[in-house]
Amino acid sequence: MARVRSFPPIEDQSARTLILGTMPGVASLAAGQYYAHPRNAFWTILADLLGFDPSLAYVERTQRLIGAGIALWDVLRSCERRGSLDSKIDRTSVVANDFARFFEEHPCVDRVFFNGGNAEALYRRHVSRTLVGTRVVSHTRLPSTSPANASIAAAAKAEAWRVAIAPTGVRYAAFR
């Protein structure tokens, strides 16, 4: 089983919102980009919310997130996994990212959104206990944008993300 490693966060010091996935899949790791699988709805949903073309170059899409006060990262720094599915992660191999440091360096982050239930479960299991005594931020699980999450229609995923992310005070295209 191969050990896979996540990417550094996409962020700047003014981030107010943190979106967390679990671990990049095979397509994302090969491309060196978050959510690179062509059927993953992440960039389509965020592009619609923030008012940009999802076909922009990756660096431009990430700059749009940063400009909207959104940071993007994964719960896990590394793990052993076959393929792309979270269900194939060897639960004894997980190493979480350093969230105590992240929150210390990003004092404006007050909301965390999980891109699916696995990200939330791993965060609660491996991260929450390490944050005792740190400031409180809200945590919300959203439907996974992964193509493996086919039980929820694309429109329903997009609506759940819109309702959750809209109240940030950022002027999203869909809310003008």
Foldseek 3Di string as FASTA:
>chain_A
DDKDFADDKLEDQQAAEEEAEAGAFPQCSVVVAHPRDPQQCVLVLVCQFAVHDSPPPRVVSSVSCHVQRYMYTYQFRMFDADGGDPVRTPVVGTDGDDVLVVCVSHVNHQEYEYQDDSRVVSCVVPPPVVQPPHDHHYYYYAHHSDPVSVVDDPVRSSVRCCVVPVVPPGDTPVPD
